[in-house]
C-alpha atoms as a PDB file:
ATOM      1  CA  MET A   1      -2.114 -18.458  -1.843  1.00  0.00           C
ATOM      2  CA  ILE A   2      -0.135 -16.018  -4.546  1.00  0.00           C
ATOM      3  CA  LEU A   3       1.838 -19.063  -6.033  1.00  0.00           C
ATOM      4  CA  GLY A   4      -1.213 -21.267  -6.459  1.00  0.00           C
ATOM      5  CA  SER A   5      -3.006 -18.792  -8.434  1.00  0.00           C
ATOM      6  CA  PRO A   6      -2.466 -17.811 -11.775  1.00  0.00           C
ATOM      7  CA  LEU A   7      -0.814 -14.235 -12.586  1.00  0.00           C
ATOM      8  CA  LEU A   8      -2.945 -12.580 -14.931  1.00  0.00           C
ATOM      9  CA  THR A   9      -1.920  -8.555 -16.619  1.00  0.00           C
ATOM     10  CA  THR A  10      -4.387  -6.021 -16.590  1.00  0.00           C
ATOM     11  CA  ARG A  11      -4.148  -6.751 -20.684  1.00  0.00           C
ATOM     12  CA  ASP A  12      -5.578 -10.121 -19.686  1.00  0.00           C
ATOM     13  CA  VAL A  13      -8.183  -8.671 -17.130  1.00  0.00           C
ATOM     14  CA  ALA A  14      -9.766  -5.884 -19.728  1.00  0.00           C
ATOM     15  CA  GLU A  15     -10.241  -8.774 -22.646  1.00  0.00           C
ATOM     16  CA  LEU A  16     -11.984 -10.904 -19.303  1.00  0.00           C
ATOM     17  CA  LEU A  17     -14.437  -8.229 -18.629  1.00  0.00           C
ATOM     18  CA  GLN A  18     -14.599  -5.875 -21.725  1.00  0.00           C
ATOM     19  CA  LEU A  19     -13.132  -3.123 -20.682  1.00  0.00           C
ATOM     20  CA  THR A  20      -9.800  -0.761 -20.804  1.00  0.00           C
ATOM     21  CA  GLU A  21      -6.642  -1.075 -19.526  1.00  0.00           C
ATOM     22  CA  THR A  22      -6.572   2.162 -17.758  1.00  0.00           C
ATOM     23  CA  THR A  23     -10.368   1.367 -16.141  1.00  0.00           C
ATOM     24  CA  ILE A  24      -8.661  -1.322 -14.356  1.00  0.00           C
ATOM     25  CA  ARG A  25      -5.184  -0.215 -13.978  1.00  0.00           C
ATOM     26  CA  SER A  26      -7.978   3.070 -11.588  1.00  0.00           C
ATOM     27  CA  TRP A  27      -8.909   0.002 -10.163  1.00  0.00           C
ATOM     28  CA  ILE A  28      -5.081  -1.033  -8.475  1.00  0.00           C
ATOM     29  CA  VAL A  29      -4.740   2.685  -8.523  1.00  0.00           C
ATOM     30  CA  GLY A  30      -7.529   3.677  -6.340  1.00  0.00           C
ATOM     31  CA  GLY A  31      -7.404   0.323  -4.609  1.00  0.00           C
ATOM     32  CA  GLU A  32     -10.749  -1.589  -5.500  1.00  0.00           C
ATOM     33  CA  LEU A  33      -8.561  -4.523  -6.718  1.00  0.00           C
ATOM     34  CA  ARG A  34      -6.079  -5.623  -5.453  1.00  0.00           C
ATOM     35  CA  ALA A  35      -2.746  -5.876  -7.390  1.00  0.00           C
ATOM     36  CA  MET A  36       1.255  -6.952  -7.313  1.00  0.00           C
ATOM     37  CA  ARG A  37       3.748  -4.699  -8.911  1.00  0.00           C
ATOM     38  CA  PHE A  38       6.756  -5.840 -10.372  1.00  0.00           C
ATOM     39  CA  GLY A  39       8.599  -2.932 -12.079  1.00  0.00           C
ATOM     40  CA  ARG A  40       6.113  -1.231 -14.571  1.00  0.00           C
ATOM     41  CA  GLU A  41       3.189  -3.849 -14.690  1.00  0.00           C
ATOM     42  CA  TYR A  42       1.208  -5.178 -12.634  1.00  0.00           C
ATOM     43  CA  ARG A  43      -0.485  -8.427 -11.641  1.00  0.00           C
ATOM     44  CA  ILE A  44      -3.353  -9.633 -10.615  1.00  0.00           C
ATOM     45  CA  ALA A  45      -3.354 -13.002  -8.804  1.00  0.00           C
ATOM     46  CA  ALA A  46      -7.481 -14.871 -10.044  1.00  0.00           C
ATOM     47  CA  GLU A  47      -8.086 -15.290  -6.757  1.00  0.00           C
ATOM     48  CA  ASP A  48      -8.373 -11.541  -5.961  1.00  0.00           C
ATOM     49  CA  LEU A  49      -9.876 -10.785  -8.807  1.00  0.00           C
ATOM     50  CA  ASP A  50     -12.574 -13.368  -8.035  1.00  0.00           C
ATOM     51  CA  ALA A  51     -13.081 -11.128  -4.880  1.00  0.00           C
ATOM     52  CA  PHE A  52     -13.806  -7.947  -6.534  1.00  0.00           C
ATOM     53  CA  LEU A  53     -15.703  -9.194  -9.227  1.00  0.00           C
ATOM     54  CA  GLU A  54     -17.377 -11.417  -5.712  1.00  0.00           C
ATOM     55  CA  ALA A  55     -17.526  -7.835  -3.724  1.00  0.00           C
ATOM     56  CA  HIS A  56     -19.318  -5.969  -6.737  1.00  0.00           C
ATOM     57  CA  ALA A  57     -21.572  -8.161  -7.804  1.00  0.00           C
ATOM     58  CA  THR A  58     -25.957  -7.139  -7.122  1.00  0.00           C
ATOM     59  CA  ARG A  59     -26.708  -9.877  -6.155  1.00  0.00           C
ATOM     60  CA  PRO A  60     -25.713 -12.985  -4.129  1.00  0.00           C
ATOM     61  CA  VAL A  61     -24.419 -16.077  -5.185  1.00  0.00           C
ATOM     62  CA  ARG A  62     -26.478 -19.737  -5.649  1.00  0.00           C
ATOM     63  CA  THR A  63     -25.977 -22.072  -3.519  1.00  0.00           C
ATOM     64  CA  ALA A  64     -27.223 -25.510  -4.457  1.00  0.00           C
ATOM     65  CA  GLY A  65     -30.849 -26.255  -3.818  1.00  0.00           C
ATOM     66  CA  SER A  66     -31.595 -22.932  -3.385  1.00  0.00           C
ATOM     67  CA  SER A  67     -34.618 -21.289  -5.467  1.00  0.00           C
ATOM     68  CA  GLY A  68     -33.168 -18.077  -6.221  1.00  0.00           C
ATOM     69  CA  THR A  69     -36.459 -16.000  -4.098  1.00  0.00           C
ATOM     70  CA  ASP A  70     -35.472 -14.737  -0.420  1.00  0.00           C
ATOM     71  CA  ARG A  71     -38.908 -14.859   0.014  1.00  0.00           C
ATOM     72  CA  PRO A  72     -40.567 -18.428   2.186  1.00  0.00           C
ATOM     73  CA  ARG A  73     -42.463 -21.098   0.332  1.00  0.00           C
ATOM     74  CA  GLU A  74     -45.925 -21.406   0.514  1.00  0.00           C
ATOM     75  CA  GLN A  75     -47.131 -23.684   2.552  1.00  0.00           C
ATOM     76  CA  ASN A  76     -51.009 -25.174   0.859  1.00  0.00           C
END
């Protein structure tokens, strides 16, 4: 639900990620980051930014109770 999620500007996202607005806009224009266009401005839903970051993570998010390894535990 987009209306339940805060809308961020390209500047907001750039500041959060410590990148330039040009980089954020290139992700939008390239179809990598979902955004809505209002006139000449883009708005990015926080949930779309979260999805983008999750898709570009180098490893999956740990779930509660996971050891963080993919190896089975040794039995003694």
